[in-house]
Amino acid sequence: MEKLLEFKGVSKSYRSKSALNNISFGVEPGKIIGLLGTNGSGKSTLMKIAAGLMPASAGTTTVMGVPVGLATKSVVSFMPDHPLTESWMKVRDAVGFYRDFYSDFDEEKARKMLDFMNLHERDRVSSLSKGMNERLQLTLTLSRQAKLYLLDEPIGGVDPVARTKILDAIVEFYSEDSSLLISTHLVRDIERIFDEVIFIRDGEVVLQEEVEGLRLKHGKSVDDMFKEVFAE
């Protein structure tokens, strides 16, 4: 099966500091995959390279067999770790912005998600809590008809109620012919939705395995395995 996303020997350096070191892995269609690592492990750098927002220093990155660039941006939907909306906007303005900017934006799906998320079109972005803002960003990202969704720390810094709602929304509105790559260090709360996990430490992949295989082989939860790997 052709990989939806594939990194081959990807490295990234900032001046003399190495952020990624010879990364190689692939993501198949139809999966929710956790990109797991502590802060500073290289997760966000990988996400930005896959989204076409940052060039690698070495190696190749492809989406559906096509080198990352303008040609792949139409099939990749990226939710960065900071909001893309402006504080002056109302929720309806944010939806309109995405509708006008992305030809694949599904406004009907967005309205269903807003209802699921308990967001109202007249709400001001500036008045939303961090958790509600994360719900809005997720709604906008998942309402594109993309093949690959990249979610960078979608539950970082939000309360447990918001986390549950965000994870429920991912499961509810995820399209099974696409894939989601979700970066996080908050493993215990999110591991229930993963089909596969990739552990990244100091810019290198140290483990990639299907969740069920990991549990059968090691007899541990993803969270327990994460603690073991990153405690070394």
C-alpha atoms as a PDB file:
ATOM      1  CA  MET A   1       0.000   0.000   0.000  1.00  0.00           C
ATOM      2  CA  GLU A   2       1.322   3.429  -0.948  1.00  0.00           C
ATOM      3  CA  LYS A   3       2.175   5.585   2.020  1.00  0.00           C
ATOM      4  CA  LEU A   4      -0.001   8.653   2.470  1.00  0.00           C
ATOM      5  CA  LEU A   5       2.886  10.463   4.152  1.00  0.00           C
ATOM      6  CA  GLU A   6       6.506   9.335   3.983  1.00  0.00           C
ATOM      7  CA  PHE A   7       9.725  10.704   5.428  1.00  0.00           C
ATOM      8  CA  LYS A   8      12.986   9.336   4.068  1.00  0.00           C
ATOM      9  CA  GLY A   9      16.218  10.316   5.787  1.00  0.00           C
ATOM     10  CA  VAL A  10      14.836  13.681   6.854  1.00  0.00           C
ATOM     11  CA  SER A  11      17.083  15.918   8.928  1.00  0.00           C
ATOM     12  CA  LYS A  12      16.626  19.509  10.042  1.00  0.00           C
ATOM     13  CA  SER A  13      19.162  21.825  11.632  1.00  0.00           C
ATOM     14  CA  TYR A  14      18.830  25.363  12.920  1.00  0.00           C
ATOM     15  CA  ARG A  15      22.314  26.837  12.519  1.00  0.00           C
ATOM     16  CA  SER A  16      24.419  24.411  14.574  1.00  0.00           C
ATOM     17  CA  LYS A  17      21.511  22.800  16.462  1.00  0.00           C
ATOM     18  CA  SER A  18      20.009  19.559  15.136  1.00  0.00           C
ATOM     19  CA  ALA A  19      16.205  19.294  15.468  1.00  0.00           C
ATOM     20  CA  LEU A  20      15.709  16.120  13.397  1.00  0.00           C
ATOM     21  CA  ASN A  21      18.275  13.454  12.615  1.00  0.00           C
ATOM     22  CA  ASN A  22      17.752  11.064   9.687  1.00  0.00           C
ATOM     23  CA  ILE A  23      14.015  10.497  10.279  1.00  0.00           C
ATOM     24  CA  SER A  24      12.333   7.763   8.200  1.00  0.00           C
ATOM     25  CA  PHE A  25       8.769   6.524   8.619  1.00  0.00           C
ATOM     26  CA  GLY A  26       5.520   6.230   6.695  1.00  0.00           C
ATOM     27  CA  VAL A  27       1.844   6.803   7.428  1.00  0.00           C
ATOM     28  CA  GLU A  28      -0.781   4.650   5.724  1.00  0.00           C
ATOM     29  CA  PRO A  29      -4.305   5.820   4.840  1.00  0.00           C
ATOM     30  CA  GLY A  30      -7.170   5.264   7.268  1.00  0.00           C
ATOM     31  CA  LYS A  31      -5.286   5.602  10.558  1.00  0.00           C
ATOM     32  CA  ILE A  32      -5.108   7.877  13.574  1.00  0.00           C
ATOM     33  CA  ILE A  33      -1.472   8.020  14.583  1.00  0.00           C
ATOM     34  CA  GLY A  34       0.121   9.512  17.658  1.00  0.00           C
ATOM     35  CA  LEU A  35       3.421  11.351  17.255  1.00  0.00           C
ATOM     36  CA  LEU A  36       4.590  11.195  20.840  1.00  0.00           C
ATOM     37  CA  GLY A  37       7.516  12.874  22.519  1.00  0.00           C
ATOM     38  CA  THR A  38       8.482  15.318  25.214  1.00  0.00           C
ATOM     39  CA  ASN A  39       8.710  19.058  24.565  1.00  0.00           C
ATOM     40  CA  GLY A  40      11.628  19.827  22.272  1.00  0.00           C
ATOM     41  CA  SER A  41      11.767  16.332  20.774  1.00  0.00           C
ATOM     42  CA  GLY A  42      11.137  17.529  17.200  1.00  0.00           C
ATOM     43  CA  LYS A  43       7.381  16.933  16.858  1.00  0.00           C
ATOM     44  CA  SER A  44       6.430  20.424  15.697  1.00  0.00           C
ATOM     45  CA  THR A  45       9.348  20.558  13.267  1.00  0.00           C
ATOM     46  CA  LEU A  46       8.164  17.308  11.664  1.00  0.00           C
ATOM     47  CA  MET A  47       4.616  18.657  11.425  1.00  0.00           C
ATOM     48  CA  LYS A  48       5.740  21.872   9.726  1.00  0.00           C
ATOM     49  CA  ILE A  49       7.860  19.968   7.205  1.00  0.00           C
ATOM     50  CA  ALA A  50       4.916  17.667   6.379  1.00  0.00           C
ATOM     51  CA  ALA A  51       2.634  20.690   6.011  1.00  0.00           C
ATOM     52  CA  GLY A  52       5.047  22.335   3.589  1.00  0.00           C
ATOM     53  CA  LEU A  53       5.725  25.258   5.910  1.00  0.00           C
ATOM     54  CA  MET A  54       9.397  24.491   6.516  1.00  0.00           C
ATOM     55  CA  PRO A  55      12.056  22.906   4.285  1.00  0.00           C
ATOM     56  CA  ALA A  56      14.109  19.978   5.528  1.00  0.00           C
ATOM     57  CA  SER A  57      17.888  20.288   5.586  1.00  0.00           C
ATOM     58  CA  ALA A  58      18.237  16.805   4.077  1.00  0.00           C
ATOM     59  CA  GLY A  59      16.081  13.898   2.946  1.00  0.00           C
ATOM     60  CA  THR A  60      12.708  13.737   1.173  1.00  0.00           C
ATOM     61  CA  THR A  61       9.123  14.101   2.363  1.00  0.00           C
ATOM     62  CA  THR A  62       6.204  13.033   0.173  1.00  0.00           C
ATOM     63  CA  VAL A  63       2.408  13.104   0.460  1.00  0.00           C
ATOM     64  CA  MET A  64       0.623  10.570  -1.766  1.00  0.00           C
ATOM     65  CA  GLY A  65       3.944  10.057  -3.532  1.00  0.00           C
ATOM     66  CA  VAL A  66       4.344  13.747  -4.393  1.00  0.00           C
ATOM     67  CA  PRO A  67       7.186  15.816  -2.876  1.00  0.00           C
ATOM     68  CA  VAL A  68       5.858  18.223  -0.252  1.00  0.00           C
ATOM     69  CA  GLY A  69       5.191  21.663  -1.699  1.00  0.00           C
ATOM     70  CA  LEU A  70       2.419  23.650  -3.366  1.00  0.00           C
ATOM     71  CA  ALA A  71       1.033  20.496  -4.999  1.00  0.00           C
ATOM     72  CA  THR A  72       0.452  18.774  -1.634  1.00  0.00           C
ATOM     73  CA  LYS A  73      -1.061  21.680   0.298  1.00  0.00           C
ATOM     74  CA  SER A  74      -4.487  20.950  -1.188  1.00  0.00           C
ATOM     75  CA  VAL A  75      -4.594  17.509   0.466  1.00  0.00           C
ATOM     76  CA  VAL A  76      -3.026  18.441   3.828  1.00  0.00           C
ATOM     77  CA  SER A  77      -4.898  20.273   6.602  1.00  0.00           C
ATOM     78  CA  PHE A  78      -2.685  21.548   9.418  1.00  0.00           C
ATOM     79  CA  MET A  79      -3.699  22.684  12.895  1.00  0.00           C
ATOM     80  CA  PRO A  80      -0.638  24.402  14.418  1.00  0.00           C
ATOM     81  CA  ASP A  81      -0.067  24.760  18.155  1.00  0.00           C
ATOM     82  CA  HIS A  82      -1.213  28.391  18.035  1.00  0.00           C
ATOM     83  CA  PRO A  83      -4.527  29.730  16.646  1.00  0.00           C
ATOM     84  CA  LEU A  84      -4.708  30.946  13.047  1.00  0.00           C
ATOM     85  CA  THR A  85      -7.803  33.036  13.735  1.00  0.00           C
ATOM     86  CA  GLU A  86      -7.690  36.729  14.656  1.00  0.00           C
ATOM     87  CA  SER A  87      -9.030  38.042  17.960  1.00  0.00           C
ATOM     88  CA  TRP A  88     -11.388  40.525  16.246  1.00  0.00           C
ATOM     89  CA  MET A  89     -13.251  37.694  14.514  1.00  0.00           C
ATOM     90  CA  LYS A  90     -16.493  36.118  15.524  1.00  0.00           C
ATOM     91  CA  VAL A  91     -16.841  32.368  15.027  1.00  0.00           C
ATOM     92  CA  ARG A  92     -18.817  32.967  11.818  1.00  0.00           C
ATOM     93  CA  ASP A  93     -15.979  35.179  10.509  1.00  0.00           C
ATOM     94  CA  ALA A  94     -13.479  32.375  11.128  1.00  0.00           C
ATOM     95  CA  VAL A  95     -15.695  29.932   9.216  1.00  0.00           C
ATOM     96  CA  GLY A  96     -16.059  32.458   6.389  1.00  0.00           C
ATOM     97  CA  PHE A  97     -12.297  32.983   6.280  1.00  0.00           C
ATOM     98  CA  TYR A  98     -11.649  29.257   5.861  1.00  0.00           C
ATOM     99  CA  ARG A  99     -14.496  28.910   3.331  1.00  0.00           C
ATOM    100  CA  ASP A 100     -13.027  31.682   1.191  1.00  0.00           C
ATOM    101  CA  PHE A 101      -9.424  30.536   1.574  1.00  0.00           C
ATOM    102  CA  TYR A 102      -9.851  26.775   1.049  1.00  0.00           C
ATOM    103  CA  SER A 103     -11.853  25.470  -1.896  1.00  0.00           C
ATOM    104  CA  ASP A 104     -12.281  22.104  -0.143  1.00  0.00           C
ATOM    105  CA  PHE A 105     -13.849  23.616   3.006  1.00  0.00           C
ATOM    106  CA  ASP A 106     -17.119  21.842   3.895  1.00  0.00           C
ATOM    107  CA  GLU A 107     -19.308  24.495   5.500  1.00  0.00           C
ATOM    108  CA  GLU A 108     -22.073  22.020   6.321  1.00  0.00           C
ATOM    109  CA  LYS A 109     -19.623  19.823   8.219  1.00  0.00           C
ATOM    110  CA  ALA A 110     -18.267  22.908   9.998  1.00  0.00           C
ATOM    111  CA  ARG A 111     -21.755  23.839  11.230  1.00  0.00           C
ATOM    112  CA  LYS A 112     -22.347  20.300  12.492  1.00  0.00           C
ATOM    113  CA  MET A 113     -19.038  20.419  14.324  1.00  0.00           C
ATOM    114  CA  LEU A 114     -19.779  23.849  15.813  1.00  0.00           C
ATOM    115  CA  ASP A 115     -23.031  22.424  17.184  1.00  0.00           C
ATOM    116  CA  PHE A 116     -21.207  19.362  18.568  1.00  0.00           C
ATOM    117  CA  MET A 117     -18.594  21.632  20.153  1.00  0.00           C
ATOM    118  CA  ASN A 118     -21.210  23.954  21.706  1.00  0.00           C
ATOM    119  CA  LEU A 119     -19.789  26.907  19.771  1.00  0.00           C
ATOM    120  CA  HIS A 120     -22.037  29.707  18.546  1.00  0.00           C
ATOM    121  CA  GLU A 121     -21.464  31.704  15.372  1.00  0.00           C
ATOM    122  CA  ARG A 122     -21.893  35.027  17.176  1.00  0.00           C
ATOM    123  CA  ASP A 123     -19.246  34.215  19.813  1.00  0.00           C
ATOM    124  CA  ARG A 124     -16.175  36.431  19.630  1.00  0.00           C
ATOM    125  CA  VAL A 125     -12.873  34.603  19.297  1.00  0.00           C
ATOM    126  CA  SER A 126     -11.383  36.965  21.893  1.00  0.00           C
ATOM    127  CA  SER A 127     -13.980  35.833  24.447  1.00  0.00           C
ATOM    128  CA  LEU A 128     -13.369  32.106  24.017  1.00  0.00           C
ATOM    129  CA  SER A 129     -11.529  30.145  26.692  1.00  0.00           C
ATOM    130  CA  LYS A 130      -8.406  28.238  25.594  1.00  0.00           C
ATOM    131  CA  GLY A 131     -10.423  25.035  25.500  1.00  0.00           C
ATOM    132  CA  MET A 132     -13.198  26.571  23.379  1.00  0.00           C
ATOM    133  CA  ASN A 133     -10.618  28.133  21.074  1.00  0.00           C
ATOM    134  CA  GLU A 134      -9.006  24.730  20.578  1.00  0.00           C
ATOM    135  CA  ARG A 135     -12.454  23.357  19.700  1.00  0.00           C
ATOM    136  CA  LEU A 136     -12.814  26.095  17.072  1.00  0.00           C
ATOM    137  CA  GLN A 137      -9.369  25.453  15.567  1.00  0.00           C
ATOM    138  CA  LEU A 138     -10.127  21.722  15.355  1.00  0.00           C
ATOM    139  CA  THR A 139     -13.485  22.432  13.698  1.00  0.00           C
ATOM    140  CA  LEU A 140     -11.836  24.580  11.044  1.00  0.00           C
ATOM    141  CA  THR A 141      -9.067  22.037  10.409  1.00  0.00           C
ATOM    142  CA  LEU A 142     -11.276  18.948  10.166  1.00  0.00           C
ATOM    143  CA  SER A 143     -13.876  20.696   7.997  1.00  0.00           C
ATOM    144  CA  ARG A 144     -11.500  20.664   5.050  1.00  0.00           C
ATOM    145  CA  GLN A 145     -11.862  17.634   2.770  1.00  0.00           C
ATOM    146  CA  ALA A 146      -8.210  16.707   3.034  1.00  0.00           C
ATOM    147  CA  LYS A 147      -6.430  13.365   2.912  1.00  0.00           C
ATOM    148  CA  LEU A 148      -3.953  14.089   5.701  1.00  0.00           C
ATOM    149  CA  TYR A 149      -4.724  16.026   8.877  1.00  0.00           C
ATOM    150  CA  LEU A 150      -1.860  17.225  11.061  1.00  0.00           C
ATOM    151  CA  LEU A 151      -2.852  18.240  14.588  1.00  0.00           C
ATOM    152  CA  ASP A 152      -0.032  19.780  16.625  1.00  0.00           C
ATOM    153  CA  GLU A 153      -0.750  19.501  20.373  1.00  0.00           C
ATOM    154  CA  PRO A 154      -4.553  19.776  20.029  1.00  0.00           C
ATOM    155  CA  ILE A 155      -5.142  19.143  23.754  1.00  0.00           C
ATOM    156  CA  GLY A 156      -2.154  21.028  25.154  1.00  0.00           C
ATOM    157  CA  GLY A 157      -3.034  23.336  28.016  1.00  0.00           C
ATOM    158  CA  VAL A 158      -6.783  22.697  28.030  1.00  0.00           C
ATOM    159  CA  ASP A 159      -8.878  21.359  30.893  1.00  0.00           C
ATOM    160  CA  PRO A 160     -10.041  17.704  31.092  1.00  0.00           C
ATOM    161  CA  VAL A 161     -13.600  18.534  29.938  1.00  0.00           C
ATOM    162  CA  ALA A 162     -12.291  20.255  26.810  1.00  0.00           C
ATOM    163  CA  ARG A 163      -9.876  17.383  26.171  1.00  0.00           C
ATOM    164  CA  THR A 164     -12.684  14.854  26.238  1.00  0.00           C
ATOM    165  CA  LYS A 165     -14.803  16.949  23.878  1.00  0.00           C
ATOM    166  CA  ILE A 166     -11.917  17.426  21.456  1.00  0.00           C
ATOM    167  CA  LEU A 167     -11.090  13.699  21.392  1.00  0.00           C
ATOM    168  CA  ASP A 168     -14.758  12.773  20.962  1.00  0.00           C
ATOM    169  CA  ALA A 169     -14.973  15.226  18.043  1.00  0.00           C
ATOM    170  CA  ILE A 170     -11.917  13.712  16.365  1.00  0.00           C
ATOM    171  CA  VAL A 171     -13.469  10.244  16.526  1.00  0.00           C
ATOM    172  CA  GLU A 172     -16.925  11.497  15.469  1.00  0.00           C
ATOM    173  CA  PHE A 173     -15.852  13.600  12.485  1.00  0.00           C
ATOM    174  CA  TYR A 174     -12.757  11.782  11.288  1.00  0.00           C
ATOM    175  CA  SER A 175     -13.037  10.570   7.673  1.00  0.00           C
ATOM    176  CA  GLU A 176     -11.867   6.963   7.440  1.00  0.00           C
ATOM    177  CA  ASP A 177     -10.286   7.367   3.997  1.00  0.00           C
ATOM    178  CA  SER A 178      -7.921   9.965   5.427  1.00  0.00           C
ATOM    179  CA  SER A 179      -5.284   9.827   8.161  1.00  0.00           C
ATOM    180  CA  LEU A 180      -4.611  11.957  11.207  1.00  0.00           C
ATOM    181  CA  LEU A 181      -1.155  12.525  12.669  1.00  0.00           C
ATOM    182  CA  ILE A 182      -1.510  13.978  16.150  1.00  0.00           C
ATOM    183  CA  SER A 183       1.460  15.237  18.158  1.00  0.00           C
ATOM    184  CA  THR A 184       1.265  15.318  21.945  1.00  0.00           C
ATOM    185  CA  HIS A 185       3.101  14.592  25.171  1.00  0.00           C
ATOM    186  CA  LEU A 186      -0.203  14.074  27.072  1.00  0.00           C
ATOM    187  CA  VAL A 187      -0.410  10.383  26.282  1.00  0.00           C
ATOM    188  CA  ARG A 188      -2.762   8.997  28.908  1.00  0.00           C
ATOM    189  CA  ASP A 189      -5.692  11.203  27.886  1.00  0.00           C
ATOM    190  CA  ILE A 190      -5.448  10.535  24.172  1.00  0.00           C
ATOM    191  CA  GLU A 191      -4.112   7.012  23.663  1.00  0.00           C
ATOM    192  CA  ARG A 192      -7.628   5.545  23.369  1.00  0.00           C
ATOM    193  CA  ILE A 193      -8.084   7.003  19.872  1.00  0.00           C
ATOM    194  CA  PHE A 194      -4.743   5.889  18.359  1.00  0.00           C
ATOM    195  CA  ASP A 195      -4.320   3.031  15.878  1.00  0.00           C
ATOM    196  CA  GLU A 196      -0.556   3.454  15.819  1.00  0.00           C
ATOM    197  CA  VAL A 197       2.102   5.407  17.713  1.00  0.00           C
ATOM    198  CA  ILE A 198       5.475   6.868  16.801  1.00  0.00           C
ATOM    199  CA  PHE A 199       7.850   7.826  19.622  1.00  0.00           C
ATOM    200  CA  ILE A 200      10.309  10.600  18.796  1.00  0.00           C
ATOM    201  CA  ARG A 201      13.174  11.511  21.125  1.00  0.00           C
ATOM    202  CA  ASP A 202      15.942  14.037  20.489  1.00  0.00           C
ATOM    203  CA  GLY A 203      14.964  14.294  16.835  1.00  0.00           C
ATOM    204  CA  GLU A 204      15.019  10.541  16.183  1.00  0.00           C
ATOM    205  CA  VAL A 205      12.279   7.909  15.867  1.00  0.00           C
ATOM    206  CA  VAL A 206      12.802   5.341  18.615  1.00  0.00           C
ATOM    207  CA  LEU A 207       9.612   3.305  18.162  1.00  0.00           C
ATOM    208  CA  GLN A 208       6.793   2.915  15.641  1.00  0.00           C
ATOM    209  CA  GLU A 209       4.162   0.297  16.307  1.00  0.00           C
ATOM    210  CA  GLU A 210       0.460  -0.414  16.120  1.00  0.00           C
ATOM    211  CA  VAL A 211      -1.174   0.100  19.498  1.00  0.00           C
ATOM    212  CA  GLU A 212      -2.620  -3.413  19.751  1.00  0.00           C
ATOM    213  CA  GLY A 213       0.723  -4.948  18.797  1.00  0.00           C
ATOM    214  CA  LEU A 214       2.486  -2.841  21.398  1.00  0.00           C
ATOM    215  CA  ARG A 215       0.085  -3.977  24.104  1.00  0.00           C
ATOM    216  CA  LEU A 216       0.391  -7.638  23.099  1.00  0.00           C
ATOM    217  CA  LYS A 217       4.187  -7.578  22.715  1.00  0.00           C
ATOM    218  CA  HIS A 218       5.055  -5.521  25.784  1.00  0.00           C
ATOM    219  CA  GLY A 219       1.960  -6.023  27.949  1.00  0.00           C
ATOM    220  CA  LYS A 220       1.829  -2.278  28.586  1.00  0.00           C
ATOM    221  CA  SER A 221      -0.381   0.667  27.778  1.00  0.00           C
ATOM    222  CA  VAL A 222       0.936   3.356  25.442  1.00  0.00           C
ATOM    223  CA  ASP A 223       1.273   5.676  28.442  1.00  0.00           C
ATOM    224  CA  ASP A 224       3.319   3.121  30.409  1.00  0.00           C
ATOM    225  CA  MET A 225       5.548   2.498  27.394  1.00  0.00           C
ATOM    226  CA  PHE A 226       5.979   6.243  26.888  1.00  0.00           C
ATOM    227  CA  LYS A 227       7.082   6.704  30.498  1.00  0.00           C
ATOM    228  CA  GLU A 228       9.553   3.835  30.180  1.00  0.00           C
ATOM    229  CA  VAL A 229      11.110   5.075  26.927  1.00  0.00           C
ATOM    230  CA  PHE A 230      11.385   8.700  27.979  1.00  0.00           C
ATOM    231  CA  ALA A 231      12.592   7.985  31.498  1.00  0.00           C
ATOM    232  CA  GLU A 232      15.835   6.533  30.148  1.00  0.00           C
END
